[in-house]
Every structure is written in structure tokens, then in C-alpha cells.
Amino acid sequence: MDKLFKEYNEKLPANIITSLKEKMPKNISSANVKKIFELTLKEYETSKVEAGECVGLVAAESIGEPSTQMTLNTFHFAGVSEMNITTGLPRIIEILDARKKISTPMMEIYLKPPYSKGKDIKKIAQSIKETTLKDMTKEFLINIAELSIEVVLDPKSTKEFGVTDTVVSKTLQKSIKGYSIRKSGDNKITLKAKGKDVSLNEIYKTKEKIKGVYLKGIKGITQVLPIKRENEFMIITAGTNLKDILKLDKVDQTRTITNDIFEIYNVFGIEAARQSIIGEVYKVIENQGLNVDIRHIMLVADTMSVTGMIRGISRYGVVSGKASVLARASFETPLKHIIEASLTGEIDNLSSVVENVMLNQPVPVGTGLPGLITKVK
């Protein structure tokens, strides 16, 4: 058996052989193993790309055509107005442009047992959500005569979030300068300006500023929604903070994920970011009921991450790194590229597809390829 595995070591990639080893039945005969290997090798050879085939063009067409069928929509979670998910074409553009600020950042937080079975699920979700002063206040009042701001806390919210008025006043003292802060009765905190020449406009600005004072939870997580998917409970969030979420001991770090590719890149590195690009694009295409071979998406992800950094398919990203002047000029801002190239005396070796198409020459792919390898008589 081992002899057979060694024989196919050079013919098949290591991961395919490992996968076959794991899935082989225990008491299988050598003849049947050989048969399986032969069929796998045949399948592997037919799935390979022919030399000179323009894979970029095929991938572009294969992704571009279904993308034009996509709907331009945003999906809303029922019952939670702030939780939207950008889907369809806007999401594809967002990923492939490698935008650092995405329109609807979100996370899928998986939990360890017994919490994944539903234990304390609401409490955990509530503790993750970023809580600001605005979330637990009934009203903010401005006293013009006293030049002060009165914060009336909601007792129901303070109990729910487990925050006392003492904690609130201490947090305000750290966050706001130039005001004396004191408790003035049950669930009421007064901020009085220390200076006499404070304008009403400044008082109003301070009132707006204290609404966003952070009290507890994880920064960046604006909404939480516990849901049941198949046989386990998980938490979906609006907003994302992968680094801090992974520090929680109740969270399953191996499956928790964010849809922000740059955040994955910063936490886990380029390989994880590449996998995230593939997963996110494939998810959008699948949700739309379309079918694109995963290898086309993998090619795009490889192109975006080949330098060790994430670059978008745009004139500032992948296109700017092209060696050919004409290829860069064919994408956007042609005059800029041609003038820059002429000033620096740049030479174009016409080694790729786009520049040869522009000059009406045979392109170095398919039947145009052998001329580059052999001297055709």
C-alpha cells in the first residue's frame, strides 16, 4: 500500500494524497487502491489548465457575467432596524475594491459549550454590545440659568446593563474636562461648567459629546442578535472588533469570523485574508443562486494578495503594479500613464494580452503562444 502512495507522490499534489489516505476504507485491496488512484489522476489531469490558456480572461468573464445578474440590495434582519447586511453587487464591489471601510461590518460569534446550547445566551450577547451613556439615559436636560447639564438615567436600563450611577459619574469625570460632576438624587447626575464665560453653544456641544461616552461592552459592536443556526446558538453583531472578541473565554476562537477583510489581515495575516476574500465573494454569489467555479475566485484572491498586502482590483491597487505602460493606460487615466512613461523613457515589452490587442498583434496565449517557445518555419 505504501509503495502505491509513494508511486503517486510525484504525480499528485500532497494534499490530494493525504485526503485519499484519510478516506480509504480499512480492508481495501491493492487493486482497488490502484483503481482509485488512476481515476483521481485522470480527474486531476483533466482539471489542469492548458499551457497558454488565458485564465485571467476566463475568470473575469466567469465572475463578470453573473455579477451583472445580481440584485442591488441590502438585507435587513427582521426586528432589528440597525442590522443590515450589504449583499449582491455592492458587496462584491466592496470586496474586490479592497475598501478599508465597509458599509455593514458584522461578525458571526460562535460559542463554546454549554453556551452554544443556549445557556446565558442573552446575557452574553448583552455583555458584548458596546454600551454608551445614551443607551441608559431617559433624557438630557440643559439648565440655562445654572449653565449645567442634567443626565436622567433610566433605572430599568441601568439594572439590565449592571451599571450604577456611581460608575457613570466616575466615567464622566475621566472623559469630560472643565465640568464638576455630582449625583443630584436618584438616577440623576449634574454636570456644571466650572468657568463663568462658557457659552450655551459649548454646553450643547458637551451634551452631544457625553451621549457617546463608553461605559462597558466591546467597542465597535453596536448591535447584537442571538440566533439559532441548525443545532446551536450563536451571536450575530453589527459592527466588528475581532481582536477583543477573541479574548473572551466563552467564544469559540476557531470559528468566530468577521466580514471585514482588513481586520482579518491585521489579526491573522495575509493567508487568512486571502481565504476570507474567497469565502466572502463565494458567499455573495451563492446567496444570489448563481454558480461560479471556486478556482476563478481563487485566482482573483491570489492576485489581490500576492504581494503580501491586500490590493484592490483598481487603478490604485493591482493595476498600478503592472509592468506594462499600455496595460495601465487601458484601465483608467490613460493620458497620465502615457505622459509619465514618456518622461521617464519607460519601455513596454508587449509581453501580455492587453497591450498586443491595442496594437493589433497576435496575443501570447493559445495559438499565439508557440511562436514564443519555438521558431516557427
Protein backbone atom coordinates (compact mmCIF):
# COMPACT_ATOMS: atom_id res chain seq x y z
CA MET A 1 0.00 0.00 0.00
CA ASP A 2 2.75 2.47 0.98
CA LYS A 3 4.55 1.63 -2.26
CA LEU A 4 1.46 2.78 -4.19
CA PHE A 5 1.29 6.03 -2.22
CA LYS A 6 4.96 6.69 -2.98
CA GLU A 7 4.43 5.95 -6.69
CA TYR A 8 1.75 8.65 -6.96
CA ASN A 9 3.61 11.14 -4.77
CA GLU A 10 5.16 12.82 -7.82
CA LYS A 11 2.03 12.62 -9.95
CA LEU A 12 -0.50 14.12 -7.49
CA PRO A 13 -0.33 17.05 -5.02
CA ALA A 14 0.39 16.13 -1.38
CA ASN A 15 -2.99 17.38 -0.08
CA ILE A 16 -4.91 15.12 -2.53
CA ILE A 17 -2.86 12.08 -1.43
CA THR A 18 -3.42 12.94 2.26
CA SER A 19 -7.16 13.30 1.62
CA LEU A 20 -7.25 9.91 -0.17
CA LYS A 21 -5.36 8.25 2.70
CA GLU A 22 -7.91 9.54 5.23
CA LYS A 23 -10.93 8.42 3.22
CA MET A 24 -9.70 4.94 2.15
CA PRO A 25 -11.73 2.04 3.59
CA LYS A 26 -9.76 -0.12 6.05
CA ASN A 27 -9.77 -3.54 4.33
CA ILE A 28 -9.45 -2.36 0.71
CA SER A 29 -7.39 -4.42 -1.74
CA SER A 30 -4.30 -3.06 -3.52
CA ALA A 31 -6.02 -3.45 -6.91
CA ASN A 32 -8.90 -1.21 -5.80
CA VAL A 33 -6.48 1.36 -4.31
CA LYS A 34 -4.66 1.50 -7.67
CA LYS A 35 -8.02 1.92 -9.45
CA ILE A 36 -8.93 4.85 -7.14
CA PHE A 37 -5.54 6.48 -7.75
CA GLU A 38 -5.86 6.08 -11.52
CA LEU A 39 -9.33 7.68 -11.53
CA THR A 40 -8.12 10.51 -9.27
CA LEU A 41 -5.09 11.12 -11.52
CA LYS A 42 -7.32 11.20 -14.61
CA GLU A 43 -9.64 13.70 -12.92
CA TYR A 44 -6.66 15.79 -11.77
CA GLU A 45 -5.11 15.88 -15.27
CA THR A 46 -8.39 16.99 -16.91
CA SER A 47 -8.85 19.74 -14.32
CA LYS A 48 -5.44 21.26 -15.09
CA VAL A 49 -5.26 24.36 -17.25
CA GLU A 50 -3.71 24.04 -20.73
CA ALA A 51 -0.45 25.95 -21.22
CA GLY A 52 -1.19 29.33 -22.76
CA GLU A 53 -4.83 29.40 -21.72
CA CYS A 54 -5.80 32.92 -20.65
CA VAL A 55 -7.05 32.10 -17.16
CA GLY A 56 -7.45 35.79 -16.25
CA LEU A 57 -9.88 36.39 -19.09
CA VAL A 58 -11.87 33.22 -18.33
CA ALA A 59 -12.06 34.18 -14.63
CA ALA A 60 -13.06 37.77 -15.47
CA GLU A 61 -15.85 36.58 -17.78
CA SER A 62 -16.98 33.89 -15.33
CA ILE A 63 -17.31 36.37 -12.45
CA GLY A 64 -18.37 39.39 -14.54
CA GLU A 65 -21.31 37.75 -16.32
CA PRO A 66 -23.15 36.51 -13.18
CA SER A 67 -22.34 39.79 -11.39
CA THR A 68 -24.45 41.69 -13.94
CA GLN A 69 -27.41 39.48 -12.97
CA MET A 70 -27.06 40.38 -9.30
CA THR A 71 -29.57 42.46 -7.43
CA LEU A 72 -28.54 45.76 -5.84
CA ASN A 73 -29.90 45.14 -2.39
CA THR A 74 -29.35 45.32 1.34
CA PHE A 75 -30.76 42.58 3.55
CA HIS A 76 -32.41 43.65 6.83
CA PHE A 77 -32.69 41.44 9.89
CA ALA A 78 -36.32 41.31 10.96
CA GLY A 79 -36.99 43.22 14.17
CA VAL A 80 -33.61 44.94 14.41
CA SER A 81 -33.60 48.16 12.40
CA GLU A 82 -29.87 48.87 12.78
CA MET A 83 -28.79 45.44 11.50
CA ASN A 84 -28.38 45.42 7.75
CA ILE A 85 -26.16 43.29 5.55
CA THR A 86 -24.97 44.59 2.21
CA THR A 87 -25.43 41.80 -0.32
CA GLY A 88 -25.32 41.39 -4.09
CA LEU A 89 -23.27 43.60 -6.40
CA PRO A 90 -22.44 46.37 -3.86
CA ARG A 91 -20.82 43.75 -1.59
CA ILE A 92 -18.81 42.20 -4.48
CA ILE A 93 -17.53 45.68 -5.47
CA GLU A 94 -16.66 46.40 -1.82
CA ILE A 95 -14.55 43.22 -1.54
CA LEU A 96 -12.80 43.45 -4.90
CA ASP A 97 -12.03 47.16 -4.46
CA ALA A 98 -10.47 46.21 -1.07
CA ARG A 99 -12.28 49.02 0.75
CA LYS A 100 -10.94 49.63 4.24
CA LYS A 101 -14.29 50.99 5.46
CA ILE A 102 -17.14 48.65 4.56
CA SER A 103 -20.79 49.68 4.66
CA THR A 104 -22.12 46.98 7.01
CA PRO A 105 -19.35 45.41 9.14
CA MET A 106 -20.61 42.38 11.05
CA MET A 107 -19.41 39.32 12.96
CA GLU A 108 -20.62 35.75 13.46
CA ILE A 109 -19.64 34.77 17.02
CA TYR A 110 -19.68 31.05 17.80
CA LEU A 111 -19.65 29.98 21.44
CA LYS A 112 -18.13 27.07 23.36
CA PRO A 113 -20.45 24.54 25.08
CA PRO A 114 -22.62 24.85 27.18
CA TYR A 115 -23.23 28.42 25.92
CA SER A 116 -23.64 27.18 22.33
CA LYS A 117 -26.63 25.15 23.60
CA GLY A 118 -28.32 28.36 24.73
CA LYS A 119 -27.04 28.84 28.31
CA ASP A 120 -26.98 32.57 29.28
CA ILE A 121 -27.09 33.46 25.56
CA LYS A 122 -28.95 36.78 26.11
CA LYS A 123 -26.65 37.77 28.97
CA ILE A 124 -23.53 37.05 26.88
CA ALA A 125 -24.93 38.99 23.91
CA GLN A 126 -25.76 41.95 26.18
CA SER A 127 -22.24 41.93 27.69
CA ILE A 128 -20.66 42.03 24.22
CA LYS A 129 -22.68 45.03 22.99
CA GLU A 130 -20.97 48.40 23.32
CA THR A 131 -22.93 50.41 25.89
CA THR A 132 -22.80 54.19 25.82
CA LEU A 133 -24.41 56.74 28.13
CA LYS A 134 -27.14 57.35 25.55
CA ASP A 135 -28.28 53.68 25.86
CA MET A 136 -29.16 54.02 29.56
CA THR A 137 -30.44 57.58 29.80
CA LYS A 138 -34.07 58.75 29.82
CA GLU A 139 -33.23 62.36 28.95
CA PHE A 140 -30.50 65.02 28.81
CA LEU A 141 -31.59 68.44 30.11
CA ILE A 142 -29.78 71.79 29.82
CA ASN A 143 -30.30 74.30 32.65
CA ILE A 144 -29.58 77.71 31.07
CA ALA A 145 -29.61 79.67 34.35
CA GLU A 146 -27.14 77.31 36.06
CA LEU A 147 -25.12 76.57 32.90
CA SER A 148 -25.41 72.87 33.71
CA ILE A 149 -26.44 69.57 32.10
CA GLU A 150 -28.70 67.12 33.90
CA VAL A 151 -28.46 63.43 32.95
CA VAL A 152 -31.55 61.45 33.97
CA LEU A 153 -30.70 57.73 33.97
CA ASP A 154 -33.24 55.04 33.15
CA PRO A 155 -33.37 52.67 36.19
CA LYS A 156 -34.58 49.76 34.03
CA SER A 157 -31.58 50.11 31.65
CA THR A 158 -29.01 50.58 34.44
CA LYS A 159 -30.27 47.39 36.09
CA GLU A 160 -30.27 45.49 32.77
CA PHE A 161 -26.69 46.56 31.91
CA GLY A 162 -25.48 46.25 35.52
CA VAL A 163 -24.12 49.81 35.69
CA THR A 164 -24.62 52.04 38.76
CA ASP A 165 -24.87 55.85 38.75
CA THR A 166 -21.54 55.92 40.67
CA VAL A 167 -19.83 54.13 37.73
CA VAL A 168 -21.45 56.60 35.30
CA SER A 169 -20.27 59.69 37.23
CA LYS A 170 -16.72 58.28 37.56
CA THR A 171 -16.59 57.58 33.81
CA LEU A 172 -17.84 61.10 33.04
CA GLN A 173 -15.13 62.62 35.29
CA LYS A 174 -12.46 60.81 33.27
CA SER A 175 -14.00 61.72 29.91
CA ILE A 176 -15.12 65.36 30.38
CA LYS A 177 -12.81 68.19 31.42
CA GLY A 178 -13.89 71.62 32.74
CA TYR A 179 -17.06 70.39 34.50
CA SER A 180 -17.79 69.47 38.11
CA ILE A 181 -19.83 66.27 38.24
CA ARG A 182 -22.09 65.26 41.13
CA LYS A 183 -25.02 62.99 41.84
CA SER A 184 -28.16 65.02 42.48
CA GLY A 185 -30.78 62.50 43.60
CA ASP A 186 -31.73 59.02 42.49
CA ASN A 187 -30.60 58.25 38.92
CA LYS A 188 -29.70 61.89 38.26
CA ILE A 189 -26.22 63.29 37.54
CA THR A 190 -25.46 67.01 37.11
CA LEU A 191 -22.54 68.42 35.12
CA LYS A 192 -21.87 72.08 35.98
CA ALA A 193 -19.42 74.21 33.99
CA LYS A 194 -16.51 75.43 36.16
CA GLY A 195 -15.87 78.62 34.15
CA LYS A 196 -18.27 81.61 34.13
CA ASP A 197 -17.74 82.52 30.48
CA VAL A 198 -18.93 79.19 28.99
CA SER A 199 -21.33 79.81 26.10
CA LEU A 200 -24.63 77.98 25.64
CA ASN A 201 -23.28 76.60 22.38
CA GLU A 202 -20.39 74.91 24.23
CA ILE A 203 -22.81 73.44 26.80
CA TYR A 204 -24.89 72.00 23.93
CA LYS A 205 -21.76 70.51 22.30
CA THR A 206 -20.79 68.88 25.61
CA LYS A 207 -24.31 67.44 25.96
CA GLU A 208 -23.97 65.82 22.50
CA LYS A 209 -20.46 64.61 23.33
CA ILE A 210 -21.42 62.81 26.56
CA LYS A 211 -24.11 60.81 24.76
CA GLY A 212 -21.34 58.74 23.19
CA VAL A 213 -19.30 58.18 26.39
CA TYR A 214 -18.30 54.49 26.50
CA LEU A 215 -19.38 52.61 29.63
CA LYS A 216 -18.98 48.86 29.06
CA GLY A 217 -19.03 46.07 26.47
CA ILE A 218 -16.77 45.71 23.42
CA LYS A 219 -16.05 48.86 21.41
CA GLY A 220 -17.35 48.79 17.85
CA ILE A 221 -20.17 46.27 18.48
CA THR A 222 -23.27 48.44 18.05
CA GLN A 223 -25.94 45.71 17.86
CA VAL A 224 -26.20 42.05 18.90
CA LEU A 225 -28.65 39.37 17.82
CA PRO A 226 -28.60 35.85 19.33
CA ILE A 227 -29.87 33.33 16.77
CA LYS A 228 -30.17 29.55 16.46
CA ARG A 229 -28.46 28.07 13.41
CA GLU A 230 -29.04 24.34 12.94
CA ASN A 231 -28.46 22.84 16.43
CA GLU A 232 -26.50 25.61 18.12
CA PHE A 233 -26.90 29.17 19.32
CA MET A 234 -24.61 31.93 18.06
CA ILE A 235 -24.48 35.73 18.09
CA ILE A 236 -24.58 37.95 15.02
CA THR A 237 -23.34 41.52 15.51
CA ALA A 238 -23.49 44.83 13.70
CA GLY A 239 -20.01 46.30 13.95
CA THR A 240 -16.80 44.36 14.35
CA ASN A 241 -13.88 44.02 16.78
CA LEU A 242 -12.22 40.66 16.15
CA LYS A 243 -9.19 41.23 18.41
CA ASP A 244 -11.24 41.88 21.57
CA ILE A 245 -13.93 39.26 20.85
CA LEU A 246 -11.28 36.52 20.54
CA LYS A 247 -10.03 37.35 24.06
CA LEU A 248 -13.35 36.21 25.60
CA ASP A 249 -13.13 32.72 27.10
CA LYS A 250 -16.74 31.80 26.18
CA VAL A 251 -16.08 32.41 22.47
CA ASP A 252 -15.03 29.63 20.09
CA GLN A 253 -11.92 31.26 18.58
CA THR A 254 -11.60 28.65 15.81
CA ARG A 255 -14.90 29.54 14.08
CA THR A 256 -15.69 33.15 15.01
CA ILE A 257 -15.41 35.35 11.92
CA THR A 258 -15.81 38.92 10.68
CA ASN A 259 -16.70 40.14 7.19
CA ASP A 260 -14.02 42.86 7.36
CA ILE A 261 -11.09 41.53 5.31
CA PHE A 262 -8.61 44.14 6.55
CA GLU A 263 -9.38 43.27 10.16
CA ILE A 264 -8.66 39.58 9.40
CA TYR A 265 -5.42 40.68 7.67
CA ASN A 266 -4.34 42.71 10.72
CA VAL A 267 -5.16 39.94 13.21
CA PHE A 268 -4.26 36.75 11.31
CA GLY A 269 -2.15 37.82 8.31
CA ILE A 270 -2.31 37.61 4.53
CA GLU A 271 -3.12 33.86 4.15
CA ALA A 272 -6.25 34.24 6.29
CA ALA A 273 -7.20 37.43 4.41
CA ARG A 274 -6.88 35.58 1.07
CA GLN A 275 -9.16 32.82 2.38
CA SER A 276 -11.59 35.48 3.62
CA ILE A 277 -11.76 37.11 0.15
CA ILE A 278 -12.58 33.70 -1.40
CA GLY A 279 -15.19 32.94 1.27
CA GLU A 280 -16.88 36.35 1.16
CA VAL A 281 -17.13 36.51 -2.67
CA TYR A 282 -18.36 32.91 -2.83
CA LYS A 283 -20.97 33.59 -0.13
CA VAL A 284 -22.44 36.51 -2.13
CA ILE A 285 -22.53 34.51 -5.38
CA GLU A 286 -24.12 31.51 -3.64
CA ASN A 287 -26.76 33.64 -1.87
CA GLN A 288 -27.80 35.02 -5.26
CA GLY A 289 -28.35 31.47 -6.54
CA LEU A 290 -25.56 31.78 -9.12
CA ASN A 291 -22.81 29.31 -9.95
CA VAL A 292 -19.14 30.30 -10.39
CA ASP A 293 -16.24 27.83 -10.17
CA ILE A 294 -14.26 28.46 -6.97
CA ARG A 295 -10.97 28.48 -8.94
CA HIS A 296 -11.90 31.73 -10.70
CA ILE A 297 -12.46 33.39 -7.33
CA MET A 298 -9.20 31.88 -6.03
CA LEU A 299 -7.31 33.46 -8.94
CA VAL A 300 -8.74 36.89 -8.09
CA ALA A 301 -7.89 36.41 -4.39
CA ASP A 302 -4.32 35.35 -5.31
CA THR A 303 -3.91 38.46 -7.48
CA MET A 304 -5.12 40.68 -4.64
CA SER A 305 -2.83 39.13 -2.01
CA VAL A 306 0.29 38.04 -3.97
CA THR A 307 2.47 40.92 -2.66
CA GLY A 308 1.75 40.07 0.99
CA MET A 309 -0.64 43.02 1.28
CA ILE A 310 -4.27 43.35 0.19
CA ARG A 311 -4.61 45.34 -3.03
CA GLY A 312 -7.92 46.10 -4.71
CA ILE A 313 -8.68 45.46 -8.39
CA SER A 314 -8.45 49.19 -9.06
CA ARG A 315 -6.09 51.78 -10.54
CA TYR A 316 -4.58 52.33 -7.08
CA GLY A 317 -4.17 48.60 -6.39
CA VAL A 318 -3.41 45.72 -8.75
CA VAL A 319 -3.42 47.81 -11.96
CA SER A 320 -0.81 50.26 -10.63
CA GLY A 321 1.63 47.36 -10.20
CA LYS A 322 1.50 46.22 -13.84
CA ALA A 323 4.83 46.34 -15.67
CA SER A 324 3.26 47.35 -18.99
CA VAL A 325 2.55 51.04 -19.64
CA LEU A 326 -0.20 50.27 -22.17
CA ALA A 327 -1.90 47.82 -19.78
CA ARG A 328 -2.02 50.53 -17.08
CA ALA A 329 -3.24 53.09 -19.59
CA SER A 330 -6.01 50.76 -20.81
CA PHE A 331 -7.68 50.70 -17.39
CA GLU A 332 -8.23 54.33 -16.34
CA THR A 333 -6.50 57.73 -16.71
CA PRO A 334 -4.59 56.80 -19.93
CA LEU A 335 -3.01 60.24 -20.53
CA LYS A 336 -1.45 60.32 -17.07
CA HIS A 337 0.27 56.93 -17.59
CA ILE A 338 1.46 57.68 -21.13
CA ILE A 339 2.90 61.11 -20.17
CA GLU A 340 4.66 59.65 -17.09
CA ALA A 341 6.14 56.81 -19.21
CA SER A 342 7.36 59.19 -21.90
CA LEU A 343 9.01 61.49 -19.32
CA THR A 344 10.92 58.60 -17.73
CA GLY A 345 11.66 56.77 -21.02
CA GLU A 346 9.83 53.60 -19.97
CA ILE A 347 9.91 50.61 -22.35
CA ASP A 348 6.92 48.27 -22.92
CA ASN A 349 7.96 44.72 -23.92
CA LEU A 350 4.42 43.82 -25.11
CA SER A 351 4.52 40.55 -23.17
CA SER A 352 0.87 40.40 -22.10
CA VAL A 353 -2.60 40.32 -23.69
CA VAL A 354 -3.97 43.86 -23.39
CA GLU A 355 -1.05 45.72 -24.99
CA ASN A 356 -0.97 43.36 -28.02
CA VAL A 357 -4.72 43.73 -28.55
CA MET A 358 -4.25 47.53 -28.54
CA LEU A 359 -1.55 47.25 -31.24
CA ASN A 360 -3.48 44.66 -33.31
CA GLN A 361 -0.86 41.92 -32.86
CA PRO A 362 -1.29 38.19 -32.07
CA VAL A 363 -1.70 37.82 -28.31
CA PRO A 364 0.74 35.49 -26.49
CA VAL A 365 -1.93 32.94 -25.48
CA GLY A 366 -3.37 29.79 -27.07
CA THR A 367 -2.25 29.53 -30.72
CA GLY A 368 -0.25 32.75 -30.34
CA LEU A 369 1.95 31.05 -27.73
CA PRO A 370 4.12 28.53 -29.67
CA GLY A 371 5.80 31.33 -31.60
CA LEU A 372 7.37 32.47 -28.35
CA ILE A 373 8.64 28.98 -27.46
CA THR A 374 9.77 27.53 -30.81
CA LYS A 375 10.93 29.16 -34.03
CA VAL A 376 8.06 28.52 -36.45
CA LYS A 377 9.34 27.90 -40.03
